[in-house]
Amino acid sequence: VMLYGSLVSPAFFTSGNLLNVLTSMSIVGIVVVGMTFVLVVGGLADLSVPATIACGAILSLGLQPMIGPLPAFLLAVGLAGLIGLLNGVLVGYVGINPIIATLGVGTIGLGIVQAAVGGVIVYGSNPASAEFAKGRLFGIPVVVLIFLVIALVGHFVLSRSFWGRWTLATGGNYSAAEASAVPVQAVKAGAFVITALASGISGGLLGLTLQSARPLIGGGYEFSAITAVVVGGVSIVGGFGSVPRAIAGLIFVQLLTNVMVLDGVRTPIQGFVLGILIVGAVGMDAALRKRGVA
């Protein structure tokens, strides 16, 4: 991909372009960390991500005049977590199909937030919060550092903690995990809470960076996250995967998308290419599972 990028555009290897890719990748990457848990636990996907991102962005800006930027951000993330909790209860305990449950809950949550702010575009009112979101520490964008911290925490939880072992066990063989006294319902519900919290953080940072938020601000992020996770080799049926794999998929997809943009590839063609990547990754996962490799 990098070779292709260097051939199609001299702008690909410029510091400005790579920094833009890294920053935008970090916003999506936070969601990718959360989505990894949902796929690994066997939750198929969380389609409430766009709505949860929008809630995080709208609330983190809309509440600033009343309670200040930091409390507004934290409250926005907390309310996003409630969306995940409702998703988790419906999927993990009630047994509703994840696609239906998350789509419905996300739509309801976004509707409530829209009504609360009057259905208009919300703008930031605190310049300091914008400076923080766009700032750098040791030359590295703050957004990138936050993403790296979340990625490290996600990797530790999934690969080094008992919760991570339970998540992998639940996704790998639900009945066997349940028979081994793993709290499978709570684990499955927890994966959706993690994804919602990650989406809320991503939305909050996106809102602070842009200093504006509208209901459709999170559109497409669920597709980008699912694409990255699947291309990274995380099994779409659960039981196999890791945060580093998902991030590797994210890097590949983001660089490929950037190269296509620089090369002037039309948006429909870009979607076609990414669709082929998803189908190919899912097909390879199915083939490996049939052979007992994955």
C-alpha atoms as a PDB file:
ATOM      1  CA  VAL A   1       0.000   0.000   0.000  1.00  0.00           C
ATOM      2  CA  MET A   2       2.793   2.433   0.895  1.00  0.00           C
ATOM      3  CA  LEU A   3       4.618   1.635  -2.346  1.00  0.00           C
ATOM      4  CA  TYR A   4       1.422   2.266  -4.286  1.00  0.00           C
ATOM      5  CA  GLY A   5       0.935   5.518  -2.408  1.00  0.00           C
ATOM      6  CA  SER A   6       4.433   6.748  -3.202  1.00  0.00           C
ATOM      7  CA  LEU A   7       3.853   6.019  -6.879  1.00  0.00           C
ATOM      8  CA  VAL A   8       0.447   7.681  -7.274  1.00  0.00           C
ATOM      9  CA  SER A   9       1.155  10.865  -5.332  1.00  0.00           C
ATOM     10  CA  PRO A  10       4.260  12.637  -4.018  1.00  0.00           C
ATOM     11  CA  ALA A  11       2.036  14.008  -1.242  1.00  0.00           C
ATOM     12  CA  PHE A  12       1.583  10.561   0.326  1.00  0.00           C
ATOM     13  CA  PHE A  13       4.834  10.547   2.309  1.00  0.00           C
ATOM     14  CA  THR A  14       4.615  14.176   3.396  1.00  0.00           C
ATOM     15  CA  SER A  15       4.470  14.762   7.136  1.00  0.00           C
ATOM     16  CA  GLY A  16       1.216  16.687   6.793  1.00  0.00           C
ATOM     17  CA  ASN A  17      -0.583  13.866   5.011  1.00  0.00           C
ATOM     18  CA  LEU A  18       0.690  11.133   7.320  1.00  0.00           C
ATOM     19  CA  LEU A  19      -0.200  13.224  10.368  1.00  0.00           C
ATOM     20  CA  ASN A  20      -3.728  13.718   9.055  1.00  0.00           C
ATOM     21  CA  VAL A  21      -4.042   9.968   8.455  1.00  0.00           C
ATOM     22  CA  LEU A  22      -2.757   9.224  11.954  1.00  0.00           C
ATOM     23  CA  THR A  23      -5.173  11.668  13.579  1.00  0.00           C
ATOM     24  CA  SER A  24      -8.257  10.480  11.690  1.00  0.00           C
ATOM     25  CA  MET A  25      -7.161   6.886  12.241  1.00  0.00           C
ATOM     26  CA  SER A  26      -7.048   7.501  15.988  1.00  0.00           C
ATOM     27  CA  ILE A  27     -10.682   8.654  16.131  1.00  0.00           C
ATOM     28  CA  VAL A  28     -11.778   5.501  14.296  1.00  0.00           C
ATOM     29  CA  GLY A  29      -9.233   3.420  16.197  1.00  0.00           C
ATOM     30  CA  ILE A  30     -10.871   4.096  19.546  1.00  0.00           C
ATOM     31  CA  VAL A  31     -14.086   2.612  18.145  1.00  0.00           C
ATOM     32  CA  VAL A  32     -12.108  -0.297  16.666  1.00  0.00           C
ATOM     33  CA  VAL A  33     -10.829  -1.254  20.129  1.00  0.00           C
ATOM     34  CA  GLY A  34     -14.392  -1.479  21.409  1.00  0.00           C
ATOM     35  CA  MET A  35     -15.746  -3.236  18.331  1.00  0.00           C
ATOM     36  CA  THR A  36     -13.058  -5.904  18.741  1.00  0.00           C
ATOM     37  CA  PHE A  37     -14.682  -7.003  22.000  1.00  0.00           C
ATOM     38  CA  VAL A  38     -18.112  -7.260  20.351  1.00  0.00           C
ATOM     39  CA  LEU A  39     -16.853  -9.433  17.497  1.00  0.00           C
ATOM     40  CA  VAL A  40     -14.672 -11.612  19.732  1.00  0.00           C
ATOM     41  CA  VAL A  41     -17.550 -12.299  22.133  1.00  0.00           C
ATOM     42  CA  GLY A  42     -19.735 -13.393  19.221  1.00  0.00           C
ATOM     43  CA  GLY A  43     -21.923 -10.290  19.171  1.00  0.00           C
ATOM     44  CA  LEU A  44     -21.761  -9.915  15.366  1.00  0.00           C
ATOM     45  CA  ALA A  45     -21.616  -6.094  15.316  1.00  0.00           C
ATOM     46  CA  ASP A  46     -22.771  -2.968  17.108  1.00  0.00           C
ATOM     47  CA  LEU A  47     -24.799  -0.797  14.738  1.00  0.00           C
ATOM     48  CA  SER A  48     -25.518   1.802  17.408  1.00  0.00           C
ATOM     49  CA  VAL A  49     -21.983   3.173  16.995  1.00  0.00           C
ATOM     50  CA  PRO A  50     -22.938   6.125  14.718  1.00  0.00           C
ATOM     51  CA  ALA A  51     -25.680   7.208  17.110  1.00  0.00           C
ATOM     52  CA  THR A  52     -23.438   6.743  20.153  1.00  0.00           C
ATOM     53  CA  ILE A  53     -20.676   8.803  18.540  1.00  0.00           C
ATOM     54  CA  ALA A  54     -23.215  11.511  17.754  1.00  0.00           C
ATOM     55  CA  CYS A  55     -24.452  11.457  21.351  1.00  0.00           C
ATOM     56  CA  GLY A  56     -20.894  11.809  22.629  1.00  0.00           C
ATOM     57  CA  ALA A  57     -20.147  14.703  20.292  1.00  0.00           C
ATOM     58  CA  ILE A  58     -23.435  16.564  20.779  1.00  0.00           C
ATOM     59  CA  LEU A  59     -23.499  16.233  24.561  1.00  0.00           C
ATOM     60  CA  SER A  60     -19.809  17.035  25.077  1.00  0.00           C
ATOM     61  CA  LEU A  61     -20.369  20.348  23.281  1.00  0.00           C
ATOM     62  CA  GLY A  62     -23.969  21.059  24.233  1.00  0.00           C
ATOM     63  CA  LEU A  63     -23.385  20.682  27.967  1.00  0.00           C
ATOM     64  CA  GLN A  64     -20.261  22.878  28.055  1.00  0.00           C
ATOM     65  CA  PRO A  65     -22.050  26.159  28.858  1.00  0.00           C
ATOM     66  CA  MET A  66     -23.826  24.553  31.816  1.00  0.00           C
ATOM     67  CA  ILE A  67     -21.206  22.383  33.509  1.00  0.00           C
ATOM     68  CA  GLY A  68     -17.877  23.069  31.784  1.00  0.00           C
ATOM     69  CA  PRO A  69     -15.882  21.116  29.167  1.00  0.00           C
ATOM     70  CA  LEU A  70     -14.430  18.270  31.265  1.00  0.00           C
ATOM     71  CA  PRO A  71     -17.635  17.388  33.176  1.00  0.00           C
ATOM     72  CA  ALA A  72     -19.538  17.651  29.889  1.00  0.00           C
ATOM     73  CA  PHE A  73     -17.141  15.229  28.210  1.00  0.00           C
ATOM     74  CA  LEU A  74     -17.265  12.746  31.088  1.00  0.00           C
ATOM     75  CA  LEU A  75     -21.053  12.918  31.320  1.00  0.00           C
ATOM     76  CA  ALA A  76     -21.332  12.405  27.557  1.00  0.00           C
ATOM     77  CA  VAL A  77     -19.172   9.284  27.769  1.00  0.00           C
ATOM     78  CA  GLY A  78     -21.175   8.028  30.743  1.00  0.00           C
ATOM     79  CA  LEU A  79     -24.481   8.464  28.917  1.00  0.00           C
ATOM     80  CA  ALA A  80     -22.980   6.712  25.905  1.00  0.00           C
ATOM     81  CA  GLY A  81     -22.170   3.839  28.245  1.00  0.00           C
ATOM     82  CA  LEU A  82     -25.860   3.650  29.159  1.00  0.00           C
ATOM     83  CA  ILE A  83     -26.655   3.049  25.487  1.00  0.00           C
ATOM     84  CA  GLY A  84     -24.187   0.167  25.570  1.00  0.00           C
ATOM     85  CA  LEU A  85     -25.704  -1.152  28.782  1.00  0.00           C
ATOM     86  CA  LEU A  86     -29.150  -1.250  27.200  1.00  0.00           C
ATOM     87  CA  ASN A  87     -27.682  -2.967  24.148  1.00  0.00           C
ATOM     88  CA  GLY A  88     -25.968  -5.474  26.396  1.00  0.00           C
ATOM     89  CA  VAL A  89     -29.103  -6.284  28.370  1.00  0.00           C
ATOM     90  CA  LEU A  90     -31.150  -6.809  25.208  1.00  0.00           C
ATOM     91  CA  VAL A  91     -28.485  -8.944  23.520  1.00  0.00           C
ATOM     92  CA  GLY A  92     -26.851 -10.708  26.456  1.00  0.00           C
ATOM     93  CA  TYR A  93     -29.828 -11.321  28.726  1.00  0.00           C
ATOM     94  CA  VAL A  94     -32.972 -11.041  26.598  1.00  0.00           C
ATOM     95  CA  GLY A  95     -31.395 -12.716  23.578  1.00  0.00           C
ATOM     96  CA  ILE A  96     -32.471 -10.242  20.890  1.00  0.00           C
ATOM     97  CA  ASN A  97     -30.497 -10.298  17.637  1.00  0.00           C
ATOM     98  CA  PRO A  98     -27.566  -7.849  18.023  1.00  0.00           C
ATOM     99  CA  ILE A  99     -28.214  -6.147  14.685  1.00  0.00           C
ATOM    100  CA  ILE A 100     -31.846  -5.391  15.558  1.00  0.00           C
ATOM    101  CA  ALA A 101     -31.160  -4.463  19.182  1.00  0.00           C
ATOM    102  CA  THR A 102     -28.249  -2.096  18.554  1.00  0.00           C
ATOM    103  CA  LEU A 103     -29.895  -0.420  15.581  1.00  0.00           C
ATOM    104  CA  GLY A 104     -33.070   0.212  17.569  1.00  0.00           C
ATOM    105  CA  VAL A 105     -31.354   1.390  20.742  1.00  0.00           C
ATOM    106  CA  GLY A 106     -29.015   3.661  18.820  1.00  0.00           C
ATOM    107  CA  THR A 107     -31.894   5.274  16.967  1.00  0.00           C
ATOM    108  CA  ILE A 108     -33.821   5.861  20.197  1.00  0.00           C
ATOM    109  CA  GLY A 109     -30.782   7.282  21.982  1.00  0.00           C
ATOM    110  CA  LEU A 110     -29.972   9.657  19.149  1.00  0.00           C
ATOM    111  CA  GLY A 111     -33.591  10.786  18.994  1.00  0.00           C
ATOM    112  CA  ILE A 112     -33.584  11.660  22.686  1.00  0.00           C
ATOM    113  CA  VAL A 113     -30.349  13.635  22.386  1.00  0.00           C
ATOM    114  CA  GLN A 114     -31.621  15.465  19.295  1.00  0.00           C
ATOM    115  CA  ALA A 115     -34.780  16.433  21.148  1.00  0.00           C
ATOM    116  CA  ALA A 116     -32.728  17.654  24.104  1.00  0.00           C
ATOM    117  CA  VAL A 117     -30.684  20.046  21.951  1.00  0.00           C
ATOM    118  CA  GLY A 118     -33.556  21.060  19.692  1.00  0.00           C
ATOM    119  CA  GLY A 119     -32.414  19.086  16.664  1.00  0.00           C
ATOM    120  CA  VAL A 120     -29.899  21.718  15.576  1.00  0.00           C
ATOM    121  CA  ILE A 121     -26.152  21.716  15.005  1.00  0.00           C
ATOM    122  CA  VAL A 122     -24.343  22.217  18.313  1.00  0.00           C
ATOM    123  CA  TYR A 123     -21.225  24.387  18.471  1.00  0.00           C
ATOM    124  CA  GLY A 124     -18.450  24.493  21.025  1.00  0.00           C
ATOM    125  CA  SER A 125     -18.272  27.385  23.453  1.00  0.00           C
ATOM    126  CA  ASN A 126     -14.921  26.781  25.138  1.00  0.00           C
ATOM    127  CA  PRO A 127     -11.797  27.613  23.076  1.00  0.00           C
ATOM    128  CA  ALA A 128      -9.547  25.879  25.609  1.00  0.00           C
ATOM    129  CA  SER A 129     -11.201  22.514  24.953  1.00  0.00           C
ATOM    130  CA  ALA A 130     -10.606  22.936  21.223  1.00  0.00           C
ATOM    131  CA  GLU A 131      -6.958  23.767  21.844  1.00  0.00           C
ATOM    132  CA  PHE A 132      -6.625  20.650  23.994  1.00  0.00           C
ATOM    133  CA  ALA A 133      -8.204  18.346  21.395  1.00  0.00           C
ATOM    134  CA  LYS A 134      -6.044  19.786  18.623  1.00  0.00           C
ATOM    135  CA  GLY A 135      -2.946  20.083  20.800  1.00  0.00           C
ATOM    136  CA  ARG A 136       0.231  18.044  20.954  1.00  0.00           C
ATOM    137  CA  LEU A 137       2.337  16.518  23.695  1.00  0.00           C
ATOM    138  CA  PHE A 138       5.993  15.879  22.877  1.00  0.00           C
ATOM    139  CA  GLY A 139       5.113  16.584  19.257  1.00  0.00           C
ATOM    140  CA  ILE A 140       2.409  13.898  19.154  1.00  0.00           C
ATOM    141  CA  PRO A 141      -1.266  14.879  18.730  1.00  0.00           C
ATOM    142  CA  VAL A 142      -3.240  14.472  21.950  1.00  0.00           C
ATOM    143  CA  VAL A 143      -5.915  12.474  20.116  1.00  0.00           C
ATOM    144  CA  VAL A 144      -3.275   9.960  19.013  1.00  0.00           C
ATOM    145  CA  LEU A 145      -1.949   9.598  22.562  1.00  0.00           C
ATOM    146  CA  ILE A 146      -5.460   8.992  23.903  1.00  0.00           C
ATOM    147  CA  PHE A 147      -5.992   6.328  21.239  1.00  0.00           C
ATOM    148  CA  LEU A 148      -2.714   4.608  22.143  1.00  0.00           C
ATOM    149  CA  VAL A 149      -3.633   4.531  25.838  1.00  0.00           C
ATOM    150  CA  ILE A 150      -7.077   3.075  25.076  1.00  0.00           C
ATOM    151  CA  ALA A 151      -5.533   0.521  22.706  1.00  0.00           C
ATOM    152  CA  LEU A 152      -3.040  -0.593  25.359  1.00  0.00           C
ATOM    153  CA  VAL A 153      -5.768  -0.895  27.985  1.00  0.00           C
ATOM    154  CA  GLY A 154      -7.983  -2.820  25.559  1.00  0.00           C
ATOM    155  CA  HIS A 155      -5.125  -5.154  24.665  1.00  0.00           C
ATOM    156  CA  PHE A 156      -4.356  -5.819  28.326  1.00  0.00           C
ATOM    157  CA  VAL A 157      -7.992  -6.508  29.192  1.00  0.00           C
ATOM    158  CA  LEU A 158      -8.549  -8.872  26.262  1.00  0.00           C
ATOM    159  CA  SER A 159      -5.260 -10.758  26.444  1.00  0.00           C
ATOM    160  CA  ARG A 160      -4.128 -10.586  30.069  1.00  0.00           C
ATOM    161  CA  SER A 161      -7.222 -10.388  32.275  1.00  0.00           C
ATOM    162  CA  PHE A 162      -9.808 -12.910  33.390  1.00  0.00           C
ATOM    163  CA  TRP A 163     -12.460 -10.819  31.620  1.00  0.00           C
ATOM    164  CA  GLY A 164     -10.567 -11.204  28.375  1.00  0.00           C
ATOM    165  CA  ARG A 165     -10.335 -14.961  28.841  1.00  0.00           C
ATOM    166  CA  TRP A 166     -14.060 -15.077  29.534  1.00  0.00           C
ATOM    167  CA  THR A 167     -14.718 -12.989  26.414  1.00  0.00           C
ATOM    168  CA  LEU A 168     -12.715 -15.342  24.201  1.00  0.00           C
ATOM    169  CA  ALA A 169     -14.303 -18.393  25.815  1.00  0.00           C
ATOM    170  CA  THR A 170     -17.832 -17.028  25.394  1.00  0.00           C
ATOM    171  CA  GLY A 171     -17.247 -16.242  21.744  1.00  0.00           C
ATOM    172  CA  GLY A 172     -15.478 -19.524  21.059  1.00  0.00           C
ATOM    173  CA  ASN A 173     -18.038 -21.867  22.582  1.00  0.00           C
ATOM    174  CA  TYR A 174     -20.938 -20.257  24.423  1.00  0.00           C
ATOM    175  CA  SER A 175     -22.334 -23.501  25.860  1.00  0.00           C
ATOM    176  CA  ALA A 176     -18.956 -24.778  27.038  1.00  0.00           C
ATOM    177  CA  ALA A 177     -18.151 -21.431  28.654  1.00  0.00           C
ATOM    178  CA  GLU A 178     -21.515 -21.414  30.407  1.00  0.00           C
ATOM    179  CA  ALA A 179     -20.907 -24.953  31.656  1.00  0.00           C
ATOM    180  CA  SER A 180     -17.538 -23.794  33.017  1.00  0.00           C
ATOM    181  CA  ALA A 181     -19.257 -21.189  35.210  1.00  0.00           C
ATOM    182  CA  VAL A 182     -18.329 -18.252  32.992  1.00  0.00           C
ATOM    183  CA  PRO A 183     -20.961 -15.487  33.403  1.00  0.00           C
ATOM    184  CA  VAL A 184     -21.630 -15.529  29.669  1.00  0.00           C
ATOM    185  CA  GLN A 185     -24.587 -13.145  29.745  1.00  0.00           C
ATOM    186  CA  ALA A 186     -22.675 -10.498  31.676  1.00  0.00           C
ATOM    187  CA  VAL A 187     -19.611 -10.945  29.472  1.00  0.00           C
ATOM    188  CA  LYS A 188     -21.644 -10.516  26.308  1.00  0.00           C
ATOM    189  CA  ALA A 189     -23.384  -7.464  27.741  1.00  0.00           C
ATOM    190  CA  GLY A 190     -20.051  -6.051  28.872  1.00  0.00           C
ATOM    191  CA  ALA A 191     -18.676  -6.115  25.338  1.00  0.00           C
ATOM    192  CA  PHE A 192     -21.416  -3.746  24.194  1.00  0.00           C
ATOM    193  CA  VAL A 193     -20.785  -1.435  27.148  1.00  0.00           C
ATOM    194  CA  ILE A 194     -17.084  -1.293  26.229  1.00  0.00           C
ATOM    195  CA  THR A 195     -17.924  -0.461  22.620  1.00  0.00           C
ATOM    196  CA  ALA A 196     -20.358   2.261  23.668  1.00  0.00           C
ATOM    197  CA  LEU A 197     -17.838   3.853  26.030  1.00  0.00           C
ATOM    198  CA  ALA A 198     -15.229   3.799  23.266  1.00  0.00           C
ATOM    199  CA  SER A 199     -17.721   5.328  20.831  1.00  0.00           C
ATOM    200  CA  GLY A 200     -18.631   8.005  23.359  1.00  0.00           C
ATOM    201  CA  ILE A 201     -14.971   8.930  23.827  1.00  0.00           C
ATOM    202  CA  SER A 202     -14.452   8.971  20.068  1.00  0.00           C
ATOM    203  CA  GLY A 203     -17.510  11.161  19.562  1.00  0.00           C
ATOM    204  CA  GLY A 204     -16.495  13.541  22.322  1.00  0.00           C
ATOM    205  CA  LEU A 205     -13.016  13.975  20.853  1.00  0.00           C
ATOM    206  CA  LEU A 206     -14.469  14.399  17.374  1.00  0.00           C
ATOM    207  CA  GLY A 207     -16.818  17.104  18.612  1.00  0.00           C
ATOM    208  CA  LEU A 208     -14.058  18.920  20.489  1.00  0.00           C
ATOM    209  CA  THR A 209     -11.793  18.760  17.445  1.00  0.00           C
ATOM    210  CA  LEU A 210     -14.395  20.051  14.993  1.00  0.00           C
ATOM    211  CA  GLN A 211     -16.090  22.328  17.556  1.00  0.00           C
ATOM    212  CA  SER A 212     -19.427  21.383  16.042  1.00  0.00           C
ATOM    213  CA  ALA A 213     -21.676  18.343  16.138  1.00  0.00           C
ATOM    214  CA  ARG A 214     -24.714  17.255  14.165  1.00  0.00           C
ATOM    215  CA  PRO A 215     -26.845  14.107  14.372  1.00  0.00           C
ATOM    216  CA  LEU A 216     -25.109  12.429  11.414  1.00  0.00           C
ATOM    217  CA  ILE A 217     -21.559  13.112  12.610  1.00  0.00           C
ATOM    218  CA  GLY A 218     -20.987   9.418  13.402  1.00  0.00           C
ATOM    219  CA  GLY A 219     -22.239   8.093  10.073  1.00  0.00           C
ATOM    220  CA  GLY A 220     -19.991   5.442   8.535  1.00  0.00           C
ATOM    221  CA  TYR A 221     -17.829   4.885  11.597  1.00  0.00           C
ATOM    222  CA  GLU A 222     -19.399   1.502  12.282  1.00  0.00           C
ATOM    223  CA  PHE A 223     -18.527   0.356   8.750  1.00  0.00           C
ATOM    224  CA  SER A 224     -14.947   1.623   9.089  1.00  0.00           C
ATOM    225  CA  ALA A 225     -14.533  -0.115  12.448  1.00  0.00           C
ATOM    226  CA  ILE A 226     -16.020  -3.421  11.321  1.00  0.00           C
ATOM    227  CA  THR A 227     -13.906  -3.356   8.152  1.00  0.00           C
ATOM    228  CA  ALA A 228     -10.708  -2.762  10.119  1.00  0.00           C
ATOM    229  CA  VAL A 229     -11.481  -5.449  12.695  1.00  0.00           C
ATOM    230  CA  VAL A 230     -12.416  -8.084  10.109  1.00  0.00           C
ATOM    231  CA  VAL A 231      -9.487  -7.272   7.794  1.00  0.00           C
ATOM    232  CA  GLY A 232      -7.238  -7.518  10.846  1.00  0.00           C
ATOM    233  CA  GLY A 233      -8.188 -11.166  11.227  1.00  0.00           C
ATOM    234  CA  VAL A 234     -10.678 -10.964  14.086  1.00  0.00           C
ATOM    235  CA  SER A 235     -13.233 -13.718  13.572  1.00  0.00           C
ATOM    236  CA  ILE A 236     -16.669 -12.388  12.738  1.00  0.00           C
ATOM    237  CA  VAL A 237     -18.297 -15.363  14.488  1.00  0.00           C
ATOM    238  CA  GLY A 238     -16.356 -14.862  17.724  1.00  0.00           C
ATOM    239  CA  GLY A 239     -13.750 -16.647  19.794  1.00  0.00           C
ATOM    240  CA  PHE A 240     -10.633 -15.426  18.010  1.00  0.00           C
ATOM    241  CA  GLY A 241      -8.917 -12.079  17.669  1.00  0.00           C
ATOM    242  CA  SER A 242      -6.910  -9.408  19.432  1.00  0.00           C
ATOM    243  CA  VAL A 243      -6.605  -5.641  19.634  1.00  0.00           C
ATOM    244  CA  PRO A 244      -3.207  -5.559  17.833  1.00  0.00           C
ATOM    245  CA  ARG A 245      -4.717  -7.541  14.944  1.00  0.00           C
ATOM    246  CA  ALA A 246      -7.616  -5.109  14.718  1.00  0.00           C
ATOM    247  CA  ILE A 247      -5.280  -2.105  14.769  1.00  0.00           C
ATOM    248  CA  ALA A 248      -3.138  -3.679  12.043  1.00  0.00           C
ATOM    249  CA  GLY A 249      -6.294  -3.983   9.960  1.00  0.00           C
ATOM    250  CA  LEU A 250      -7.135  -0.358  10.750  1.00  0.00           C
ATOM    251  CA  ILE A 251      -3.732   0.871   9.586  1.00  0.00           C
ATOM    252  CA  PHE A 252      -4.024  -1.079   6.341  1.00  0.00           C
ATOM    253  CA  VAL A 253      -7.543   0.161   5.603  1.00  0.00           C
ATOM    254  CA  GLN A 254      -6.766   3.791   6.483  1.00  0.00           C
ATOM    255  CA  LEU A 255      -3.630   3.873   4.343  1.00  0.00           C
ATOM    256  CA  LEU A 256      -5.439   2.214   1.447  1.00  0.00           C
ATOM    257  CA  THR A 257      -8.299   4.706   1.699  1.00  0.00           C
ATOM    258  CA  ASN A 258      -5.864   7.619   1.828  1.00  0.00           C
ATOM    259  CA  VAL A 259      -4.027   6.357  -1.248  1.00  0.00           C
ATOM    260  CA  MET A 260      -7.284   5.994  -3.162  1.00  0.00           C
ATOM    261  CA  VAL A 261      -8.281   9.545  -2.236  1.00  0.00           C
ATOM    262  CA  LEU A 262      -4.915  10.910  -3.378  1.00  0.00           C
ATOM    263  CA  ASP A 263      -5.215   8.900  -6.590  1.00  0.00           C
ATOM    264  CA  GLY A 264      -8.606  10.437  -7.303  1.00  0.00           C
ATOM    265  CA  VAL A 265     -10.542   7.183  -6.982  1.00  0.00           C
ATOM    266  CA  ARG A 266     -14.262   7.913  -6.826  1.00  0.00           C
ATOM    267  CA  THR A 267     -16.134   7.259  -3.581  1.00  0.00           C
ATOM    268  CA  PRO A 268     -18.303   4.409  -4.991  1.00  0.00           C
ATOM    269  CA  ILE A 269     -15.161   2.619  -6.177  1.00  0.00           C
ATOM    270  CA  GLN A 270     -13.561   3.082  -2.762  1.00  0.00           C
ATOM    271  CA  GLY A 271     -16.601   1.445  -1.172  1.00  0.00           C
ATOM    272  CA  PHE A 272     -16.406  -1.373  -3.707  1.00  0.00           C
ATOM    273  CA  VAL A 273     -12.750  -2.042  -2.836  1.00  0.00           C
ATOM    274  CA  LEU A 274     -13.427  -2.023   0.907  1.00  0.00           C
ATOM    275  CA  GLY A 275     -16.404  -4.332   0.364  1.00  0.00           C
ATOM    276  CA  ILE A 276     -14.168  -6.794  -1.455  1.00  0.00           C
ATOM    277  CA  LEU A 277     -11.732  -6.638   1.476  1.00  0.00           C
ATOM    278  CA  ILE A 278     -14.490  -7.525   3.929  1.00  0.00           C
ATOM    279  CA  VAL A 279     -15.806 -10.408   1.812  1.00  0.00           C
ATOM    280  CA  GLY A 280     -12.282 -11.724   1.317  1.00  0.00           C
ATOM    281  CA  ALA A 281     -11.451 -11.508   5.028  1.00  0.00           C
ATOM    282  CA  VAL A 282     -14.696 -13.218   6.062  1.00  0.00           C
ATOM    283  CA  GLY A 283     -14.174 -15.913   3.435  1.00  0.00           C
ATOM    284  CA  MET A 284     -10.643 -16.553   4.661  1.00  0.00           C
ATOM    285  CA  ASP A 285     -11.877 -16.739   8.253  1.00  0.00           C
ATOM    286  CA  ALA A 286     -14.499 -19.308   7.245  1.00  0.00           C
ATOM    287  CA  ALA A 287     -11.914 -21.362   5.352  1.00  0.00           C
ATOM    288  CA  LEU A 288      -9.482 -21.336   8.272  1.00  0.00           C
ATOM    289  CA  ARG A 289     -12.208 -22.342  10.710  1.00  0.00           C
ATOM    290  CA  LYS A 290     -13.221 -25.211   8.477  1.00  0.00           C
ATOM    291  CA  ARG A 291      -9.625 -26.432   8.540  1.00  0.00           C
ATOM    292  CA  GLY A 292      -9.427 -25.856  12.291  1.00  0.00           C
ATOM    293  CA  VAL A 293      -6.602 -23.322  12.004  1.00  0.00           C
ATOM    294  CA  ALA A 294      -8.266 -20.247  13.500  1.00  0.00           C
END
